[in-house]
């Protein structure tokens, strides 16, 4: 009579390591031989497709995300910041059963990076809130394993100058600037102080003078700034403000008009200004704000070099038009 015998066989890890290190599936031939004593009385072979169990899949055990912006680290700022922080992502992963890790894929804020190294440097992200850092490893069999680590990205905005104007007072030798600005505070107390500086430069000069400097630990700055008490009525000024935090700066420029002037006689250059102070490159000239007319006709181009003054009129000589 026929009898059936059953047996089980467990493949050792060494079998997987030796024969499946780089492949996922392999055909294995089982051979059955039957003996009567020492005499072979029958044999049979059976091909079986073996697939590596999922137990041998690679896995990611840890993701470490470290601030890589030295300025943030040096100022002792906690957390990650939008548009500022850069990231060092360090990954701990393991391949099993003789396989090896062949690729790390990192996904963050809609972008993807691939590397063969277990540490990678990523750029800043443009949004704040919760950001997931997903790491997927691939092994030499083509198997994958993933892990996601969530981090919090705090908001950051560039220093902003919302409005900046300048105006003379009734005493036109005095003038003020009016500034509204914002900056991003970080931490409590604020570790991202804003520095505000205001400069003024006469229209006929090249050098500028700082007339105001302050630091702010609040997010909103609204200030009236005295520009000077002995400003000239005869010329205008360029007024510049800069606001800077630990990372970025912003600048705005406005003008302070000359005072209302009918006529200015400049004894140093022997020149006359009508409606403005004379700003001629040389001496002995007439500088007019507006149009020049002679006997009811506009002088389109001319060379006015001499003047005679009466009680009510200025007569021009050597006018060429």
Protein backbone atom coordinates (compact mmCIF):
# COMPACT_ATOMS: atom_id res chain seq x y z
CA UNK A 1 0.00 0.00 0.00
CA UNK A 2 1.09 3.58 -0.61
CA UNK A 3 2.07 5.83 2.27
CA UNK A 4 2.55 9.61 2.37
CA UNK A 5 5.15 11.40 4.42
CA UNK A 6 5.11 15.12 5.12
CA UNK A 7 8.05 17.27 6.19
CA UNK A 8 8.69 20.95 6.65
CA UNK A 9 11.79 22.93 5.87
CA UNK A 10 12.69 26.38 7.21
CA UNK A 11 15.21 28.28 5.16
CA UNK A 12 17.89 29.77 7.38
CA UNK A 13 18.84 33.47 7.20
CA UNK A 14 22.08 32.46 5.56
CA UNK A 15 20.11 31.06 2.63
CA UNK A 16 18.38 34.41 2.09
CA UNK A 17 21.65 36.31 2.56
CA UNK A 18 23.55 34.11 0.11
CA UNK A 19 20.96 33.73 -2.63
CA UNK A 20 18.57 36.69 -2.32
CA UNK A 21 20.82 39.65 -1.46
CA UNK A 22 20.02 41.45 -4.71
CA UNK A 23 16.86 39.78 -5.92
CA UNK A 24 13.34 39.53 -4.63
CA UNK A 25 12.28 36.22 -6.20
CA UNK A 26 14.13 33.06 -7.20
CA UNK A 27 13.15 29.62 -8.53
CA UNK A 28 14.27 26.80 -6.24
CA UNK A 29 14.32 23.17 -7.33
CA UNK A 30 13.34 20.52 -4.78
CA UNK A 31 14.52 16.98 -5.53
CA UNK A 32 12.94 13.84 -4.01
CA UNK A 33 14.77 10.53 -4.16
CA UNK A 34 13.36 7.25 -2.90
CA UNK A 35 15.60 4.35 -1.81
CA UNK A 36 14.95 0.76 -0.96
CA UNK A 37 17.85 0.21 1.31
CA UNK A 38 20.74 1.49 -0.71
CA UNK A 39 18.97 1.12 -4.03
CA UNK A 40 17.50 4.21 -5.70
CA UNK A 41 14.06 3.21 -6.81
CA UNK A 42 12.62 6.59 -7.79
CA UNK A 43 13.23 10.33 -8.05
CA UNK A 44 11.20 13.43 -8.74
CA UNK A 45 11.95 17.17 -9.03
CA UNK A 46 9.68 20.10 -8.30
CA UNK A 47 10.38 23.77 -9.11
CA UNK A 48 9.06 26.24 -6.59
CA UNK A 49 9.15 30.03 -6.89
CA UNK A 50 10.37 31.50 -3.60
CA UNK A 51 9.71 35.14 -2.72
CA UNK A 52 11.56 36.89 0.09
CA UNK A 53 9.14 37.41 2.99
CA UNK A 54 8.16 40.97 3.93
CA UNK A 55 9.97 40.42 7.22
CA UNK A 56 13.16 41.13 5.28
CA UNK A 57 11.94 44.51 3.97
CA UNK A 58 14.15 47.51 4.82
CA UNK A 59 12.94 49.95 7.41
CA UNK A 60 13.67 53.47 8.66
CA UNK A 61 14.04 53.59 12.42
CA UNK A 62 14.76 57.30 12.97
CA UNK A 63 14.77 60.70 11.25
CA UNK A 64 16.62 63.59 12.84
CA UNK A 65 16.05 67.12 11.49
CA UNK A 66 18.66 69.68 12.57
CA UNK A 67 18.76 73.45 11.97
CA UNK A 68 21.54 74.24 9.51
CA UNK A 69 21.26 78.06 9.35
CA UNK A 70 24.22 79.25 11.43
CA UNK A 71 22.62 82.66 12.14
CA UNK A 72 19.56 81.05 13.72
CA UNK A 73 21.78 78.75 15.78
CA UNK A 74 24.16 81.55 16.83
CA UNK A 75 21.35 83.76 18.09
CA UNK A 76 19.83 80.91 20.07
CA UNK A 77 16.54 80.95 18.20
CA UNK A 78 14.34 77.95 18.85
CA UNK A 79 12.46 76.13 16.14
CA UNK A 80 12.53 76.28 12.36
CA UNK A 81 11.59 79.42 10.40
CA UNK A 82 9.92 79.98 7.06
CA UNK A 83 12.28 81.16 4.29
CA UNK A 84 15.24 81.09 6.70
CA UNK A 85 15.90 77.65 8.11
CA UNK A 86 17.92 75.15 6.15
CA UNK A 87 17.83 71.53 7.21
CA UNK A 88 20.27 68.73 7.87
CA UNK A 89 18.24 65.51 7.71
CA UNK A 90 19.96 62.49 9.22
CA UNK A 91 18.40 59.09 8.61
CA UNK A 92 18.85 55.76 10.35
CA UNK A 93 17.78 52.80 8.24
CA UNK A 94 18.51 49.08 7.99
CA UNK A 95 18.39 46.50 5.21
CA UNK A 96 17.84 42.87 6.19
CA UNK A 97 18.77 39.42 5.02
CA UNK A 98 22.02 40.36 3.28
CA UNK A 99 20.52 43.26 1.30
CA UNK A 100 21.91 46.81 1.39
CA UNK A 101 20.38 50.29 1.25
CA UNK A 102 20.82 51.69 -2.25
CA UNK A 103 18.79 54.93 -2.11
CA UNK A 104 17.26 57.43 0.28
CA UNK A 105 14.35 59.49 -1.01
CA UNK A 106 13.42 62.56 1.04
CA UNK A 107 10.15 64.40 0.48
CA UNK A 108 9.40 67.75 2.08
CA UNK A 109 7.07 70.65 1.18
CA UNK A 110 6.28 69.26 -2.27
CA UNK A 111 9.92 68.70 -3.25
CA UNK A 112 11.89 65.46 -3.55
CA UNK A 113 15.57 64.65 -3.16
CA UNK A 114 17.35 61.34 -3.80
CA UNK A 115 20.71 60.40 -2.34
CA UNK A 116 22.81 57.39 -1.45
CA UNK A 117 24.01 59.07 1.77
CA UNK A 118 22.28 58.81 5.12
CA UNK A 119 22.62 62.57 5.72
CA UNK A 120 21.37 65.30 3.40
CA UNK A 121 21.10 69.10 3.44
CA UNK A 122 17.82 70.69 2.34
CA UNK A 123 16.97 74.32 1.51
CA UNK A 124 14.41 76.52 3.24
CA UNK A 125 10.67 76.16 2.71
CA UNK A 126 8.39 79.04 1.76
CA UNK A 127 5.45 78.14 3.99
CA UNK A 128 4.90 77.96 7.73
CA UNK A 129 3.00 75.40 9.75
CA UNK A 130 3.48 71.63 10.00
CA UNK A 131 5.87 70.15 7.45
CA UNK A 132 6.26 66.41 7.01
CA UNK A 133 9.72 65.02 6.27
CA UNK A 134 9.17 61.63 4.65
CA UNK A 135 12.09 59.27 4.10
CA UNK A 136 11.75 56.22 1.86
CA UNK A 137 14.65 53.79 1.60
CA UNK A 138 15.16 51.28 -1.20
CA UNK A 139 17.31 48.19 -0.76
CA UNK A 140 19.25 46.10 -3.24
CA UNK A 141 16.18 43.87 -3.76
CA UNK A 142 14.07 46.86 -4.77
CA UNK A 143 12.06 46.65 -1.55
CA UNK A 144 11.14 49.89 0.22
CA UNK A 145 10.38 51.14 3.71
CA UNK A 146 9.21 54.60 4.83
CA UNK A 147 8.92 56.81 7.87
CA UNK A 148 7.60 60.39 8.26
CA UNK A 149 8.65 62.94 10.85
CA UNK A 150 6.58 66.12 11.30
CA UNK A 151 8.26 69.40 12.19
CA UNK A 152 6.83 72.85 12.92
CA UNK A 153 7.96 75.75 10.71
CA UNK A 154 7.37 79.12 12.36
CA UNK A 155 6.44 82.20 10.26
CA UNK A 156 9.01 84.75 9.09
CA UNK A 157 8.55 87.81 6.88
CA UNK A 158 11.10 90.31 5.60
CA UNK A 159 11.24 93.68 7.39
CA UNK A 160 8.57 95.84 5.77
CA UNK A 161 8.29 99.62 5.38
CA UNK A 162 4.58 100.27 5.13
CA UNK A 163 4.79 104.06 4.70
CA UNK A 164 7.51 106.71 4.85
CA UNK A 165 6.99 110.44 4.23
CA UNK A 166 8.70 113.71 5.19
CA UNK A 167 7.22 117.16 5.77
CA UNK A 168 8.37 120.56 6.93
CA UNK A 169 6.75 122.26 9.90
CA UNK A 170 5.30 125.79 9.89
CA UNK A 171 8.78 126.85 10.91
CA UNK A 172 10.22 125.43 7.70
CA UNK A 173 13.68 124.97 9.14
CA UNK A 174 12.21 122.07 11.11
CA UNK A 175 10.97 118.86 9.48
CA UNK A 176 9.78 115.40 10.46
CA UNK A 177 9.67 111.97 8.89
CA UNK A 178 6.67 109.70 9.46
CA UNK A 179 7.50 105.99 9.47
CA UNK A 180 5.33 102.89 9.75
CA UNK A 181 7.20 99.58 9.58
CA UNK A 182 6.93 95.96 10.68
CA UNK A 183 9.36 93.18 11.46
CA UNK A 184 9.08 89.55 12.50
CA UNK A 185 9.59 88.96 16.21
CA UNK A 186 11.14 85.65 17.22
CA UNK A 187 10.92 84.21 20.69
CA UNK A 188 9.92 85.85 23.95
CA UNK A 189 11.65 88.13 24.59
CA UNK A 190 12.31 88.92 20.94
CA UNK A 191 15.69 87.65 19.74
CA UNK A 192 15.32 89.25 16.31
CA UNK A 193 15.63 92.95 17.13
CA UNK A 194 14.98 95.39 14.31
CA UNK A 195 17.34 98.33 13.82
CA UNK A 196 15.89 101.48 12.25
CA UNK A 197 18.16 104.18 10.82
CA UNK A 198 17.20 107.44 9.09
CA UNK A 199 19.60 109.47 6.94
CA UNK A 200 19.24 112.89 5.35
CA UNK A 201 21.17 114.36 2.41
CA UNK A 202 20.91 117.83 0.93
CA UNK A 203 20.03 117.83 -2.77
CA UNK A 204 23.25 119.66 -3.65
CA UNK A 205 25.48 117.38 -1.54
CA UNK A 206 26.80 113.84 -1.89
CA UNK A 207 27.30 112.86 1.73
CA UNK A 208 24.43 111.92 3.99
CA UNK A 209 24.01 112.25 7.75
CA UNK A 210 22.32 109.80 10.09
CA UNK A 211 19.75 111.69 12.14
CA UNK A 212 18.01 108.79 13.88
CA UNK A 213 18.78 105.26 15.09
CA UNK A 214 16.67 102.96 17.24
CA UNK A 215 16.05 99.30 17.97
CA UNK A 216 12.63 97.69 18.22
CA UNK A 217 11.52 94.49 19.93
CA UNK A 218 7.89 94.83 18.88
CA UNK A 219 6.48 93.77 15.54
CA UNK A 220 4.94 97.16 14.62
CA UNK A 221 6.84 100.46 14.54
CA UNK A 222 4.99 103.80 14.19
CA UNK A 223 7.11 106.87 14.83
CA UNK A 224 7.48 110.56 14.02
CA UNK A 225 11.18 111.33 13.58
CA UNK A 226 12.72 114.80 13.80
CA UNK A 227 14.95 115.33 10.77
CA UNK A 228 16.51 118.62 11.87
CA UNK A 229 15.96 122.04 13.37
CA UNK A 230 18.20 124.15 11.10
CA UNK A 231 17.31 122.84 7.67
CA UNK A 232 17.74 125.18 4.74
CA UNK A 233 14.59 126.59 3.17
CA UNK A 234 16.40 126.99 -0.08
CA UNK A 235 17.08 123.36 -1.01
CA UNK A 236 15.34 120.03 -0.85
CA UNK A 237 16.60 116.91 0.89
CA UNK A 238 16.68 113.19 0.22
CA UNK A 239 15.57 111.17 3.24
CA UNK A 240 16.39 107.46 3.52
CA UNK A 241 15.24 104.88 6.06
CA UNK A 242 16.59 101.35 6.54
CA UNK A 243 15.07 98.67 8.74
CA UNK A 244 17.08 95.52 9.31
CA UNK A 245 16.72 92.41 11.43
CA UNK A 246 19.22 89.63 12.02
CA UNK A 247 18.69 88.26 8.51
CA UNK A 248 17.46 90.87 6.03
CA UNK A 249 17.01 94.59 5.44
CA UNK A 250 14.66 96.92 3.59
CA UNK A 251 15.13 100.52 2.43
CA UNK A 252 12.84 103.35 1.38
CA UNK A 253 13.58 106.86 0.12
CA UNK A 254 11.43 109.97 0.20
CA UNK A 255 12.05 113.65 -0.54
CA UNK A 256 11.69 116.74 1.60
CA UNK A 257 10.85 119.66 -0.68
CA UNK A 258 12.45 123.06 -0.33
CA UNK A 259 10.44 125.69 1.46
CA UNK A 260 8.21 128.09 -0.46
CA UNK A 261 10.72 130.49 -1.94
CA UNK A 262 10.18 133.59 -4.06
CA UNK A 263 13.79 134.61 -4.63
CA UNK A 264 17.20 133.69 -3.25
CA UNK A 265 20.29 135.87 -3.68
CA UNK A 266 23.45 133.80 -3.27
CA UNK A 267 26.30 136.13 -2.42
CA UNK A 268 28.91 133.39 -2.51
CA UNK A 269 28.32 132.55 -6.18
CA UNK A 270 26.87 135.93 -7.18
CA UNK A 271 23.79 134.12 -8.48
CA UNK A 272 20.04 134.53 -8.23
CA UNK A 273 17.44 131.84 -7.80
CA UNK A 274 13.78 132.47 -8.73
CA UNK A 275 11.42 130.12 -6.90
CA UNK A 276 14.41 128.05 -5.69
CA UNK A 277 17.95 128.34 -4.43
CA UNK A 278 20.48 128.64 -7.26
CA UNK A 279 22.28 125.35 -7.92
CA UNK A 280 24.30 126.35 -10.98
CA UNK A 281 27.61 124.64 -11.66
CA UNK A 282 29.42 128.00 -11.87
CA UNK A 283 29.08 131.63 -10.79
CA UNK A 284 27.21 134.69 -11.98
CA UNK A 285 24.00 133.10 -13.19
CA UNK A 286 20.25 132.98 -12.94
CA UNK A 287 18.52 129.71 -11.93
CA UNK A 288 14.77 129.75 -12.48
CA UNK A 289 12.23 127.22 -11.27
CA UNK A 290 9.70 127.29 -14.09
CA UNK A 291 9.64 129.21 -17.38
CA UNK A 292 11.43 132.41 -18.41
CA UNK A 293 9.58 135.09 -20.39
CA UNK A 294 10.99 138.21 -22.03
CA UNK A 295 8.55 140.90 -23.21
CA UNK A 296 5.69 138.42 -23.03
CA UNK A 297 7.49 135.72 -24.98
CA UNK A 298 8.86 132.52 -23.49
CA UNK A 299 12.60 132.15 -23.76
CA UNK A 300 12.99 128.52 -24.77
CA UNK A 301 16.77 128.45 -24.57
CA UNK A 302 19.05 131.13 -23.36
CA UNK A 303 22.26 132.21 -21.71
CA UNK A 304 21.48 134.73 -18.98
CA UNK A 305 24.73 136.18 -17.70
CA UNK A 306 24.05 139.70 -16.38
CA UNK A 307 21.31 141.28 -14.32
CA UNK A 308 20.14 144.79 -13.47
CA UNK A 309 17.72 145.14 -10.61
CA UNK A 310 15.14 147.93 -10.14
CA UNK A 311 12.46 148.31 -7.51
CA UNK A 312 10.00 146.13 -9.40
CA UNK A 313 11.66 144.30 -12.26
CA UNK A 314 14.66 142.20 -13.19
CA UNK A 315 15.98 143.09 -16.62
CA UNK A 316 18.06 140.48 -18.45
CA UNK A 317 21.00 141.35 -20.66
CA UNK A 318 22.81 139.15 -23.16
CA UNK A 319 19.78 136.93 -23.64
CA UNK A 320 20.23 134.67 -26.66
CA UNK A 321 17.24 132.62 -27.75
